[in-house]
Amino acid sequence: MQVTRGALLVRLDDKDPVLLRVKAVRYAPVPYAEVEPAGGGRRSTVLLAEVEREFRVEPGVLAIDG
């Protein structure tokens, strides 16, 4: 999966889908993405390996700067 800035990621948990917007992708010192909830909120980091394992890119949503 290609993770890019602006992508909307979806992770299904026990209750409701979790929507995260990718704000940045970094490759050093380890590959990770900076994400925040789609409606706004606190930014956090997620390893790209975890993104690829537990998330999917929301179909029909274009990656945008922002």
PDB file of N, CA and C in Angstrom:
ATOM      1  N   MET A   1       0.858  -1.171   0.000  1.00  0.00           N
ATOM      2  CA  MET A   1       0.000   0.000   0.000  1.00  0.00           C
ATOM      3  C   MET A   1       0.902   1.231   0.000  1.00  0.00           C
ATOM      4  N   GLN A   2       0.575   2.198  -0.815  1.00  0.00           N
ATOM      5  CA  GLN A   2       1.314   3.458  -0.860  1.00  0.00           C
ATOM      6  C   GLN A   2       0.631   4.443   0.079  1.00  0.00           C
ATOM      7  N   VAL A   3       1.322   4.854   1.129  1.00  0.00           N
ATOM      8  CA  VAL A   3       0.783   5.816   2.082  1.00  0.00           C
ATOM      9  C   VAL A   3       1.337   7.189   1.716  1.00  0.00           C
ATOM     10  N   THR A   4       0.444   8.138   1.454  1.00  0.00           N
ATOM     11  CA  THR A   4       0.859   9.475   1.049  1.00  0.00           C
ATOM     12  C   THR A   4       0.202  10.528   1.923  1.00  0.00           C
ATOM     13  N   ARG A   5       0.812  11.695   1.954  1.00  0.00           N
ATOM     14  CA  ARG A   5       0.267  12.809   2.706  1.00  0.00           C
ATOM     15  C   ARG A   5      -1.129  13.147   2.187  1.00  0.00           C
ATOM     16  N   GLY A   6      -2.068  13.324   3.093  1.00  0.00           N
ATOM     17  CA  GLY A   6      -3.433  13.671   2.723  1.00  0.00           C
ATOM     18  C   GLY A   6      -4.367  12.479   2.602  1.00  0.00           C
ATOM     19  N   ALA A   7      -3.818  11.261   2.597  1.00  0.00           N
ATOM     20  CA  ALA A   7      -4.662  10.066   2.470  1.00  0.00           C
ATOM     21  C   ALA A   7      -5.557   9.916   3.707  1.00  0.00           C
ATOM     22  N   LEU A   8      -6.749   9.386   3.502  1.00  0.00           N
ATOM     23  CA  LEU A   8      -7.669   9.092   4.595  1.00  0.00           C
ATOM     24  C   LEU A   8      -7.602   7.596   4.858  1.00  0.00           C
ATOM     25  N   LEU A   9      -7.187   7.241   6.072  1.00  0.00           N
ATOM     26  CA  LEU A   9      -7.053   5.837   6.454  1.00  0.00           C
ATOM     27  C   LEU A   9      -8.224   5.415   7.316  1.00  0.00           C
ATOM     28  N   VAL A  10      -8.635   4.166   7.190  1.00  0.00           N
ATOM     29  CA  VAL A  10      -9.742   3.627   7.977  1.00  0.00           C
ATOM     30  C   VAL A  10      -9.251   2.397   8.722  1.00  0.00           C
ATOM     31  N   ARG A  11      -9.511   2.357  10.024  1.00  0.00           N
ATOM     32  CA  ARG A  11      -9.243   1.164  10.816  1.00  0.00           C
ATOM     33  C   ARG A  11     -10.533   0.808  11.530  1.00  0.00           C
ATOM     34  N   LEU A  12     -10.925  -0.435  11.417  1.00  0.00           N
ATOM     35  CA  LEU A  12     -12.131  -0.879  12.097  1.00  0.00           C
ATOM     36  C   LEU A  12     -11.761  -1.411  13.471  1.00  0.00           C
ATOM     37  N   ASP A  13     -12.377  -0.847  14.497  1.00  0.00           N
ATOM     38  CA  ASP A  13     -12.162  -1.372  15.840  1.00  0.00           C
ATOM     39  C   ASP A  13     -13.446  -2.035  16.320  1.00  0.00           C
ATOM     40  N   ASP A  14     -13.544  -2.281  17.597  1.00  0.00           N
ATOM     41  CA  ASP A  14     -14.704  -3.000  18.140  1.00  0.00           C
ATOM     42  C   ASP A  14     -16.013  -2.223  18.013  1.00  0.00           C
ATOM     43  N   LYS A  15     -15.963  -0.902  18.018  1.00  0.00           N
ATOM     44  CA  LYS A  15     -17.189  -0.103  18.028  1.00  0.00           C
ATOM     45  C   LYS A  15     -17.455   0.564  16.690  1.00  0.00           C
ATOM     46  N   ASP A  16     -16.685   1.569  16.372  1.00  0.00           N
ATOM     47  CA  ASP A  16     -16.897   2.375  15.177  1.00  0.00           C
ATOM     48  C   ASP A  16     -15.627   2.419  14.346  1.00  0.00           C
ATOM     49  N   PRO A  17     -15.756   2.705  13.048  1.00  0.00           N
ATOM     50  CA  PRO A  17     -14.541   2.864  12.243  1.00  0.00           C
ATOM     51  C   PRO A  17     -13.738   4.063  12.728  1.00  0.00           C
ATOM     52  N   VAL A  18     -12.439   3.954  12.686  1.00  0.00           N
ATOM     53  CA  VAL A  18     -11.542   5.042  13.051  1.00  0.00           C
ATOM     54  C   VAL A  18     -10.998   5.642  11.757  1.00  0.00           C
ATOM     55  N   LEU A  19     -11.230   6.938  11.547  1.00  0.00           N
ATOM     56  CA  LEU A  19     -10.764   7.627  10.348  1.00  0.00           C
ATOM     57  C   LEU A  19      -9.597   8.534  10.726  1.00  0.00           C
ATOM     58  N   LEU A  20      -8.475   8.348  10.042  1.00  0.00           N
ATOM     59  CA  LEU A  20      -7.293   9.147  10.304  1.00  0.00           C
ATOM     60  C   LEU A  20      -6.804   9.782   9.013  1.00  0.00           C
ATOM     61  N   ARG A  21      -6.399  11.037   9.077  1.00  0.00           N
ATOM     62  CA  ARG A  21      -5.826  11.742   7.936  1.00  0.00           C
ATOM     63  C   ARG A  21      -4.308  11.738   8.091  1.00  0.00           C
ATOM     64  N   VAL A  22      -3.604  11.331   7.031  1.00  0.00           N
ATOM     65  CA  VAL A  22      -2.138  11.324   7.048  1.00  0.00           C
ATOM     66  C   VAL A  22      -1.654  12.748   6.844  1.00  0.00           C
ATOM     67  N   LYS A  23      -0.888  13.259   7.796  1.00  0.00           N
ATOM     68  CA  LYS A  23      -0.350  14.613   7.706  1.00  0.00           C
ATOM     69  C   LYS A  23       1.080  14.624   7.197  1.00  0.00           C
ATOM     70  N   ALA A  24       1.830  13.548   7.432  1.00  0.00           N
ATOM     71  CA  ALA A  24       3.215  13.478   6.965  1.00  0.00           C
ATOM     72  C   ALA A  24       3.652  12.026   6.953  1.00  0.00           C
ATOM     73  N   VAL A  25       4.591  11.722   6.064  1.00  0.00           N
ATOM     74  CA  VAL A  25       5.201  10.393   6.015  1.00  0.00           C
ATOM     75  C   VAL A  25       6.704  10.600   6.148  1.00  0.00           C
ATOM     76  N   ARG A  26       7.301   9.898   7.104  1.00  0.00           N
ATOM     77  CA  ARG A  26       8.739  10.028   7.363  1.00  0.00           C
ATOM     78  C   ARG A  26       9.384   8.653   7.223  1.00  0.00           C
ATOM     79  N   TYR A  27      10.642   8.653   6.786  1.00  0.00           N
ATOM     80  CA  TYR A  27      11.350   7.389   6.576  1.00  0.00           C
ATOM     81  C   TYR A  27      12.595   7.253   7.443  1.00  0.00           C
ATOM     82  N   ALA A  28      12.927   8.244   8.239  1.00  0.00           N
ATOM     83  CA  ALA A  28      14.101   8.148   9.106  1.00  0.00           C
ATOM     84  C   ALA A  28      13.753   8.754  10.456  1.00  0.00           C
ATOM     85  N   PRO A  29      14.178   8.213  11.546  1.00  0.00           N
ATOM     86  CA  PRO A  29      15.055   7.053  11.688  1.00  0.00           C
ATOM     87  C   PRO A  29      14.346   5.725  11.428  1.00  0.00           C
ATOM     88  N   VAL A  30      13.012   5.697  11.540  1.00  0.00           N
ATOM     89  CA  VAL A  30      12.227   4.510  11.175  1.00  0.00           C
ATOM     90  C   VAL A  30      11.048   4.993  10.331  1.00  0.00           C
ATOM     91  N   PRO A  31      10.510   4.147   9.443  1.00  0.00           N
ATOM     92  CA  PRO A  31       9.377   4.583   8.616  1.00  0.00           C
ATOM     93  C   PRO A  31       8.087   4.709   9.444  1.00  0.00           C
ATOM     94  N   TYR A  32       7.497   5.906   9.430  1.00  0.00           N
ATOM     95  CA  TYR A  32       6.261   6.127  10.167  1.00  0.00           C
ATOM     96  C   TYR A  32       5.440   7.215   9.489  1.00  0.00           C
ATOM     97  N   ALA A  33       4.175   7.286   9.880  1.00  0.00           N
ATOM     98  CA  ALA A  33       3.286   8.333   9.393  1.00  0.00           C
ATOM     99  C   ALA A  33       2.796   9.149  10.578  1.00  0.00           C
ATOM    100  N   GLU A  34       2.677  10.450  10.369  1.00  0.00           N
ATOM    101  CA  GLU A  34       2.043  11.306  11.359  1.00  0.00           C
ATOM    102  C   GLU A  34       0.578  11.421  10.944  1.00  0.00           C
ATOM    103  N   VAL A  35      -0.321  11.083  11.846  1.00  0.00           N
ATOM    104  CA  VAL A  35      -1.755  11.066  11.542  1.00  0.00           C
ATOM    105  C   VAL A  35      -2.525  11.835  12.606  1.00  0.00           C
ATOM    106  N   GLU A  36      -3.727  12.280  12.223  1.00  0.00           N
ATOM    107  CA  GLU A  36      -4.637  12.874  13.199  1.00  0.00           C
ATOM    108  C   GLU A  36      -6.056  12.469  12.826  1.00  0.00           C
ATOM    109  N   PRO A  37      -6.968  12.489  13.790  1.00  0.00           N
ATOM    110  CA  PRO A  37      -8.357  12.135  13.474  1.00  0.00           C
ATOM    111  C   PRO A  37      -8.890  12.998  12.336  1.00  0.00           C
ATOM    112  N   ALA A  38      -9.721  12.424  11.480  1.00  0.00           N
ATOM    113  CA  ALA A  38     -10.214  13.117  10.288  1.00  0.00           C
ATOM    114  C   ALA A  38     -10.950  14.410  10.635  1.00  0.00           C
ATOM    115  N   GLY A  39     -11.602  14.462  11.772  1.00  0.00           N
ATOM    116  CA  GLY A  39     -12.324  15.665  12.173  1.00  0.00           C
ATOM    117  C   GLY A  39     -11.459  16.665  12.907  1.00  0.00           C
ATOM    118  N   GLY A  40     -10.175  16.387  13.013  1.00  0.00           N
ATOM    119  CA  GLY A  40      -9.257  17.239  13.764  1.00  0.00           C
ATOM    120  C   GLY A  40      -8.971  16.634  15.122  1.00  0.00           C
ATOM    121  N   GLY A  41      -7.876  17.003  15.677  1.00  0.00           N
ATOM    122  CA  GLY A  41      -7.506  16.483  16.986  1.00  0.00           C
ATOM    123  C   GLY A  41      -6.002  16.349  17.107  1.00  0.00           C
ATOM    124  N   ARG A  42      -5.598  15.642  18.127  1.00  0.00           N
ATOM    125  CA  ARG A  42      -4.189  15.498  18.440  1.00  0.00           C
ATOM    126  C   ARG A  42      -3.478  14.601  17.432  1.00  0.00           C
ATOM    127  N   ARG A  43      -2.348  15.059  16.933  1.00  0.00           N
ATOM    128  CA  ARG A  43      -1.536  14.301  15.982  1.00  0.00           C
ATOM    129  C   ARG A  43      -0.756  13.229  16.720  1.00  0.00           C
ATOM    130  N   SER A  44      -0.625  12.069  16.089  1.00  0.00           N
ATOM    131  CA  SER A  44       0.163  10.983  16.670  1.00  0.00           C
ATOM    132  C   SER A  44       0.949  10.303  15.564  1.00  0.00           C
ATOM    133  N   THR A  45       1.809   9.376  15.945  1.00  0.00           N
ATOM    134  CA  THR A  45       2.624   8.660  14.970  1.00  0.00           C
ATOM    135  C   THR A  45       2.251   7.189  14.955  1.00  0.00           C
ATOM    136  N   VAL A  46       2.332   6.599  13.766  1.00  0.00           N
ATOM    137  CA  VAL A  46       2.037   5.181  13.573  1.00  0.00           C
ATOM    138  C   VAL A  46       3.110   4.625  12.634  1.00  0.00           C
ATOM    139  N   LEU A  47       3.709   3.507  13.005  1.00  0.00           N
ATOM    140  CA  LEU A  47       4.686   2.873  12.132  1.00  0.00           C
ATOM    141  C   LEU A  47       4.039   2.487  10.813  1.00  0.00           C
ATOM    142  N   LEU A  48       4.754   2.649   9.707  1.00  0.00           N
ATOM    143  CA  LEU A  48       4.185   2.289   8.402  1.00  0.00           C
ATOM    144  C   LEU A  48       3.834   0.809   8.326  1.00  0.00           C
ATOM    145  N   ALA A  49       4.594  -0.039   9.011  1.00  0.00           N
ATOM    146  CA  ALA A  49       4.262  -1.466   9.030  1.00  0.00           C
ATOM    147  C   ALA A  49       2.885  -1.684   9.651  1.00  0.00           C
ATOM    148  N   GLU A  50       2.563  -0.926  10.710  1.00  0.00           N
ATOM    149  CA  GLU A  50       1.247  -1.040  11.341  1.00  0.00           C
ATOM    150  C   GLU A  50       0.155  -0.477  10.437  1.00  0.00           C
ATOM    151  N   VAL A  51       0.454   0.623   9.758  1.00  0.00           N
ATOM    152  CA  VAL A  51      -0.520   1.205   8.819  1.00  0.00           C
ATOM    153  C   VAL A  51      -0.878   0.173   7.753  1.00  0.00           C
ATOM    154  N   GLU A  52       0.133  -0.460   7.188  1.00  0.00           N
ATOM    155  CA  GLU A  52      -0.110  -1.436   6.128  1.00  0.00           C
ATOM    156  C   GLU A  52      -0.843  -2.671   6.631  1.00  0.00           C
ATOM    157  N   ARG A  53      -0.656  -3.015   7.902  1.00  0.00           N
ATOM    158  CA  ARG A  53      -1.269  -4.206   8.475  1.00  0.00           C
ATOM    159  C   ARG A  53      -2.701  -3.956   8.951  1.00  0.00           C
ATOM    160  N   GLU A  54      -2.971  -2.780   9.533  1.00  0.00           N
ATOM    161  CA  GLU A  54      -4.242  -2.567  10.232  1.00  0.00           C
ATOM    162  C   GLU A  54      -5.159  -1.518   9.615  1.00  0.00           C
ATOM    163  N   PHE A  55      -4.717  -0.840   8.569  1.00  0.00           N
ATOM    164  CA  PHE A  55      -5.518   0.224   7.966  1.00  0.00           C
ATOM    165  C   PHE A  55      -5.735  -0.047   6.489  1.00  0.00           C
ATOM    166  N   ARG A  56      -6.703   0.649   5.930  1.00  0.00           N
ATOM    167  CA  ARG A  56      -6.878   0.664   4.486  1.00  0.00           C
ATOM    168  C   ARG A  56      -7.157   2.104   4.084  1.00  0.00           C
ATOM    169  N   VAL A  57      -6.806   2.442   2.836  1.00  0.00           N
ATOM    170  CA  VAL A  57      -7.083   3.782   2.327  1.00  0.00           C
ATOM    171  C   VAL A  57      -8.544   3.837   1.936  1.00  0.00           C
ATOM    172  N   GLU A  58      -9.226   4.875   2.382  1.00  0.00           N
ATOM    173  CA  GLU A  58     -10.647   5.041   2.074  1.00  0.00           C
ATOM    174  C   GLU A  58     -10.820   5.227   0.566  1.00  0.00           C
ATOM    175  N   PRO A  59     -11.607   4.370  -0.095  1.00  0.00           N
ATOM    176  CA  PRO A  59     -11.790   4.511  -1.547  1.00  0.00           C
ATOM    177  C   PRO A  59     -12.552   5.781  -1.894  1.00  0.00           C
ATOM    178  N   GLY A  60     -12.181   6.352  -3.045  1.00  0.00           N
ATOM    179  CA  GLY A  60     -12.884   7.527  -3.534  1.00  0.00           C
ATOM    180  C   GLY A  60     -12.428   8.814  -2.896  1.00  0.00           C
ATOM    181  N   VAL A  61     -11.396   8.765  -2.057  1.00  0.00           N
ATOM    182  CA  VAL A  61     -10.884   9.959  -1.405  1.00  0.00           C
ATOM    183  C   VAL A  61      -9.516  10.256  -1.986  1.00  0.00           C
ATOM    184  N   LEU A  62      -9.362  11.444  -2.519  1.00  0.00           N
ATOM    185  CA  LEU A  62      -8.089  11.841  -3.100  1.00  0.00           C
ATOM    186  C   LEU A  62      -7.149  12.328  -2.027  1.00  0.00           C
ATOM    187  N   ALA A  63      -5.878  12.003  -2.171  1.00  0.00           N
ATOM    188  CA  ALA A  63      -4.871  12.559  -1.285  1.00  0.00           C
ATOM    189  C   ALA A  63      -4.723  14.037  -1.598  1.00  0.00           C
ATOM    190  N   ILE A  64      -4.796  14.872  -0.574  1.00  0.00           N
ATOM    191  CA  ILE A  64      -4.680  16.308  -0.769  1.00  0.00           C
ATOM    192  C   ILE A  64      -3.673  16.867   0.211  1.00  0.00           C
ATOM    193  N   ASP A  65      -3.137  18.019  -0.122  1.00  0.00           N
ATOM    194  CA  ASP A  65      -2.255  18.690   0.823  1.00  0.00           C
ATOM    195  C   ASP A  65      -3.114  19.288   1.916  1.00  0.00           C
ATOM    196  N   GLY A  66      -2.603  19.217   3.153  1.00  0.00           N
ATOM    197  CA  GLY A  66      -3.371  19.830   4.228  1.00  0.00           C
ATOM    198  C   GLY A  66      -3.100  19.239   5.475  1.00  0.00           C
TER     199      GLY A  66
END
